[in-house]
Amino acid sequence: MTAMDTGTPNERKRGSGVKMVYDILRDEILDLVLPPGSAIDEVQLAERFGMSRTPIREALVRLSGEGLIDTLPNRSTMVSNIDFLNMHTYFDALVLMYRVTTQLAAKYHRPEDLVAIRTQQAAFAAAVEAQDALGMIATNAALHLSIAEAGRNPYFTGLFKRLLDEGRRILRLYYQSYDDRLPPQFVEEHDEMIAAIESRDLDKAERLAREHAEQIVRQVQKLLVREDRLDIHL
């Protein structure tokens, strides 16, 4: 056993089990496989994953800490609802991060950053072409995080990642509003932002990112009104 290898094999195995359960349930919640308000049963999860309830409970504690599940007064557990009433605060932060990270990328990017950004853009375009909604969400996040990383401010990158993660359920609804058939304009808007970044046009990069983010916000808001989703307590 090396100096860095602490803990018994059983402890390490349990730790890896907790992470596996956490990762799977987190993805299922964020991708709406487990809808808001659906019940979480520790016994069923233990049977599903073939492990004791202890690592299941630890994974649920982590998810609770992220606000993805709630424990009710009767001790039952459920997937948390989406707080649409306070969504404006999320949108404000999201639009700001689109703007600032894209502008900083225009200012500070290096040649290798453009390679990474274009690679993620190609993956996003392929997901749009395939009408792969979960792929679109993942590659869109990867693209914008690669842009943020090109801006060389780890604080902004970290905050943007958190916002993109928290917004996955919203983006799933957003893509559903297009029946998972995003128009080519979304790919084109990314291309325009990338071109502005490459040319180091800070003002244009910021403006394009703001317009891109604001139209996403408008579409989600229209979706909520049209579907009356506030009344079904997502």
Protein backbone atom coordinates (compact mmCIF):
# COMPACT_ATOMS: atom_id res chain seq x y z
CA MET A 1 0.00 0.00 0.00
CA THR A 2 1.40 3.38 -0.98
CA ALA A 3 1.43 6.44 1.23
CA MET A 4 -1.43 7.88 -0.82
CA ASP A 5 -3.53 4.69 -0.65
CA THR A 6 -5.51 5.22 2.54
CA GLY A 7 -8.57 3.36 3.74
CA THR A 8 -9.54 -0.29 3.52
CA PRO A 9 -10.60 -1.97 0.25
CA ASN A 10 -14.19 -2.04 1.54
CA GLU A 11 -14.09 1.71 2.22
CA ARG A 12 -12.70 2.43 -1.24
CA LYS A 13 -15.30 0.14 -2.79
CA ARG A 14 -18.09 1.90 -0.90
CA GLY A 15 -16.73 5.28 -1.97
CA SER A 16 -16.74 4.24 -5.61
CA GLY A 17 -20.27 2.87 -5.17
CA VAL A 18 -21.48 6.16 -3.75
CA LYS A 19 -19.99 8.04 -6.70
CA MET A 20 -21.56 5.64 -9.22
CA VAL A 21 -25.02 5.99 -7.68
CA TYR A 22 -24.60 9.76 -7.38
CA ASP A 23 -23.46 10.15 -11.00
CA ILE A 24 -26.26 7.99 -12.42
CA LEU A 25 -29.05 9.55 -10.38
CA ARG A 26 -27.76 13.06 -11.00
CA ASP A 27 -27.79 12.50 -14.76
CA GLU A 28 -31.26 10.97 -14.61
CA ILE A 29 -32.60 13.93 -12.62
CA LEU A 30 -30.97 16.57 -14.82
CA ASP A 31 -32.05 14.81 -18.03
CA LEU A 32 -35.64 14.51 -16.71
CA VAL A 33 -35.52 10.72 -16.79
CA LEU A 34 -36.55 11.13 -13.15
CA PRO A 35 -39.14 13.93 -13.38
CA PRO A 36 -39.51 16.66 -10.76
CA GLY A 37 -41.70 15.43 -7.92
CA SER A 38 -41.04 11.72 -8.52
CA ALA A 39 -40.47 9.57 -5.45
CA ILE A 40 -37.03 8.30 -4.45
CA ASP A 41 -37.08 4.94 -2.67
CA GLU A 42 -33.87 3.82 -0.94
CA VAL A 43 -34.92 0.16 -0.87
CA GLN A 44 -35.66 0.10 -4.59
CA LEU A 45 -32.37 1.87 -5.34
CA ALA A 46 -30.44 -0.60 -3.20
CA GLU A 47 -32.01 -3.45 -5.17
CA ARG A 48 -31.38 -1.70 -8.47
CA PHE A 49 -27.69 -1.08 -7.81
CA GLY A 50 -27.09 -4.28 -5.85
CA MET A 51 -25.66 -2.62 -2.77
CA SER A 52 -26.60 -1.76 0.79
CA ARG A 53 -28.65 1.30 1.68
CA THR A 54 -25.65 3.07 3.27
CA PRO A 55 -23.94 4.16 0.00
CA ILE A 56 -27.38 4.89 -1.47
CA ARG A 57 -28.11 7.20 1.45
CA GLU A 58 -24.71 8.92 1.10
CA ALA A 59 -25.34 9.55 -2.60
CA LEU A 60 -28.76 11.00 -1.78
CA VAL A 61 -27.20 13.33 0.80
CA ARG A 62 -24.90 14.68 -1.93
CA LEU A 63 -27.84 15.19 -4.28
CA SER A 64 -29.78 16.89 -1.52
CA GLY A 65 -26.85 19.24 -0.94
CA GLU A 66 -27.10 20.28 -4.60
CA GLY A 67 -30.82 20.93 -4.27
CA LEU A 68 -31.77 18.09 -6.64
CA ILE A 69 -33.78 16.06 -4.13
CA ASP A 70 -35.91 17.02 -1.14
CA THR A 71 -36.73 15.14 2.06
CA LEU A 72 -40.27 15.87 3.18
CA PRO A 73 -41.47 16.14 6.79
CA ASN A 74 -42.81 12.57 6.64
CA ARG A 75 -39.24 11.52 5.72
CA SER A 76 -40.17 10.54 2.16
CA THR A 77 -37.75 11.67 -0.53
CA MET A 78 -38.56 13.12 -3.94
CA VAL A 79 -36.87 14.79 -6.89
CA SER A 80 -36.96 18.53 -6.29
CA ASN A 81 -39.30 20.73 -8.28
CA ILE A 82 -37.95 23.41 -10.59
CA ASP A 83 -38.38 26.81 -8.98
CA PHE A 84 -39.91 28.68 -11.90
CA LEU A 85 -41.05 31.57 -9.71
CA ASN A 86 -37.44 32.62 -9.11
CA MET A 87 -36.16 31.61 -12.54
CA HIS A 88 -35.44 35.23 -13.45
CA THR A 89 -32.46 35.28 -11.07
CA TYR A 90 -31.02 32.20 -12.77
CA PHE A 91 -31.55 33.73 -16.21
CA ASP A 92 -29.83 36.96 -15.16
CA ALA A 93 -26.75 35.05 -14.01
CA LEU A 94 -26.74 32.81 -17.08
CA VAL A 95 -26.90 35.69 -19.57
CA LEU A 96 -24.12 37.49 -17.71
CA MET A 97 -21.85 34.43 -17.87
CA TYR A 98 -22.49 33.99 -21.60
CA ARG A 99 -21.48 37.59 -22.15
CA VAL A 100 -18.41 37.84 -19.95
CA THR A 101 -16.87 34.46 -20.84
CA THR A 102 -17.25 35.02 -24.58
CA GLN A 103 -15.78 38.51 -24.35
CA LEU A 104 -12.81 37.29 -22.31
CA ALA A 105 -12.24 34.46 -24.77
CA ALA A 106 -11.99 37.06 -27.54
CA LYS A 107 -9.39 38.89 -25.51
CA TYR A 108 -7.23 36.07 -24.13
CA HIS A 109 -7.64 33.00 -26.35
CA ARG A 110 -4.66 31.07 -27.65
CA PRO A 111 -4.45 29.04 -30.87
CA GLU A 112 -5.01 25.76 -29.04
CA ASP A 113 -8.19 27.18 -27.50
CA LEU A 114 -9.70 27.69 -30.93
CA VAL A 115 -8.98 24.07 -31.77
CA ALA A 116 -10.84 22.91 -28.65
CA ILE A 117 -13.73 25.30 -29.28
CA ARG A 118 -14.16 24.18 -32.89
CA THR A 119 -14.01 20.53 -31.85
CA GLN A 120 -16.90 21.06 -29.44
CA GLN A 121 -18.82 23.07 -32.03
CA ALA A 122 -18.49 20.21 -34.53
CA ALA A 123 -19.83 17.80 -31.91
CA PHE A 124 -22.76 20.13 -31.19
CA ALA A 125 -23.57 20.46 -34.91
CA ALA A 126 -23.55 16.67 -35.23
CA ALA A 127 -25.90 16.30 -32.25
CA VAL A 128 -28.27 18.88 -33.77
CA GLU A 129 -28.21 17.02 -37.08
CA ALA A 130 -28.95 13.73 -35.29
CA GLN A 131 -31.72 15.35 -33.20
CA ASP A 132 -29.96 13.95 -30.14
CA ALA A 133 -31.33 16.17 -27.36
CA LEU A 134 -29.11 14.86 -24.57
CA GLY A 135 -26.14 15.09 -26.91
CA MET A 136 -27.06 18.68 -27.76
CA ILE A 137 -27.22 19.61 -24.09
CA ALA A 138 -23.87 17.97 -23.31
CA THR A 139 -22.01 19.36 -26.33
CA ASN A 140 -23.51 22.83 -25.91
CA ALA A 141 -22.24 22.92 -22.33
CA ALA A 142 -18.83 21.61 -23.41
CA LEU A 143 -18.61 24.28 -26.13
CA HIS A 144 -19.41 27.16 -23.82
CA LEU A 145 -17.09 25.84 -21.13
CA SER A 146 -14.28 25.61 -23.68
CA ILE A 147 -15.00 29.25 -24.55
CA ALA A 148 -14.93 30.13 -20.85
CA GLU A 149 -11.63 28.33 -20.38
CA ALA A 150 -10.19 30.36 -23.25
CA GLY A 151 -11.01 33.47 -21.21
CA ARG A 152 -8.61 32.29 -18.50
CA ASN A 153 -10.69 33.21 -15.48
CA PRO A 154 -11.28 30.04 -13.44
CA TYR A 155 -13.82 31.77 -11.21
CA PHE A 156 -16.07 32.58 -14.15
CA THR A 157 -15.52 29.12 -15.62
CA GLY A 158 -16.51 27.46 -12.35
CA LEU A 159 -19.63 29.57 -11.96
CA PHE A 160 -20.63 29.04 -15.59
CA LYS A 161 -20.25 25.26 -15.21
CA ARG A 162 -22.48 25.32 -12.15
CA LEU A 163 -25.12 27.35 -14.00
CA LEU A 164 -25.00 25.08 -17.05
CA ASP A 165 -25.32 22.00 -14.82
CA GLU A 166 -28.22 23.49 -12.90
CA GLY A 167 -29.90 24.48 -16.17
CA ARG A 168 -29.86 21.03 -17.75
CA ARG A 169 -33.47 20.39 -16.80
CA ILE A 170 -34.47 23.75 -18.25
CA LEU A 171 -32.53 23.06 -21.45
CA ARG A 172 -34.27 19.69 -21.77
CA LEU A 173 -37.61 21.50 -21.73
CA TYR A 174 -36.17 24.08 -24.12
CA TYR A 175 -35.18 21.47 -26.70
CA GLN A 176 -38.53 19.74 -26.28
CA SER A 177 -40.16 23.00 -27.34
CA TYR A 178 -38.50 22.44 -30.72
CA ASP A 179 -39.37 18.73 -30.72
CA ASP A 180 -35.61 18.19 -30.50
CA ARG A 181 -35.27 19.65 -34.01
CA LEU A 182 -33.18 22.74 -33.44
CA PRO A 183 -33.09 25.11 -36.42
CA PRO A 184 -29.71 25.70 -38.14
CA GLN A 185 -29.64 29.18 -36.62
CA PHE A 186 -28.30 27.74 -33.35
CA VAL A 187 -25.27 26.25 -35.04
CA GLU A 188 -24.84 29.43 -37.07
CA GLU A 189 -24.96 31.63 -33.96
CA HIS A 190 -22.19 29.57 -32.41
CA ASP A 191 -20.14 29.93 -35.58
CA GLU A 192 -20.58 33.71 -35.48
CA MET A 193 -19.45 33.85 -31.85
CA ILE A 194 -16.41 31.72 -32.63
CA ALA A 195 -15.51 33.99 -35.55
CA ALA A 196 -15.74 37.05 -33.27
CA ILE A 197 -13.54 35.32 -30.70
CA GLU A 198 -10.97 34.43 -33.34
CA SER A 199 -10.86 38.02 -34.66
CA ARG A 200 -10.54 39.35 -31.09
CA ASP A 201 -13.57 41.57 -31.58
CA LEU A 202 -14.51 42.00 -27.93
CA ASP A 203 -17.62 44.11 -28.48
CA LYS A 204 -19.05 41.82 -31.15
CA ALA A 205 -18.28 38.68 -29.15
CA GLU A 206 -20.09 40.09 -26.12
CA ARG A 207 -23.05 41.27 -28.19
CA LEU A 208 -23.49 37.97 -30.01
CA ALA A 209 -23.27 36.00 -26.77
CA ARG A 210 -25.84 38.26 -25.13
CA GLU A 211 -28.26 37.95 -28.05
CA HIS A 212 -27.76 34.17 -28.12
CA ALA A 213 -28.45 33.82 -24.40
CA GLU A 214 -31.40 36.20 -24.39
CA GLN A 215 -33.19 34.37 -27.17
CA ILE A 216 -32.82 31.13 -25.17
CA VAL A 217 -34.38 32.89 -22.19
CA ARG A 218 -37.24 34.23 -24.30
CA GLN A 219 -37.96 30.81 -25.76
CA VAL A 220 -38.04 29.15 -22.34
CA GLN A 221 -40.33 31.87 -21.00
CA LYS A 222 -42.70 31.41 -23.93
CA LEU A 223 -42.63 27.67 -23.37
CA LEU A 224 -43.60 28.09 -19.71
CA VAL A 225 -46.50 30.35 -20.60
CA ARG A 226 -47.70 28.13 -23.44
CA GLU A 227 -47.53 24.89 -21.50
CA ASP A 228 -48.69 26.48 -18.23
CA ARG A 229 -45.89 24.63 -16.51
CA LEU A 230 -46.11 26.74 -13.41
CA ASP A 231 -49.40 25.05 -12.63
CA ILE A 232 -47.94 21.55 -12.77
CA HIS A 233 -45.20 22.42 -10.27
CA LEU A 234 -42.14 21.22 -12.10
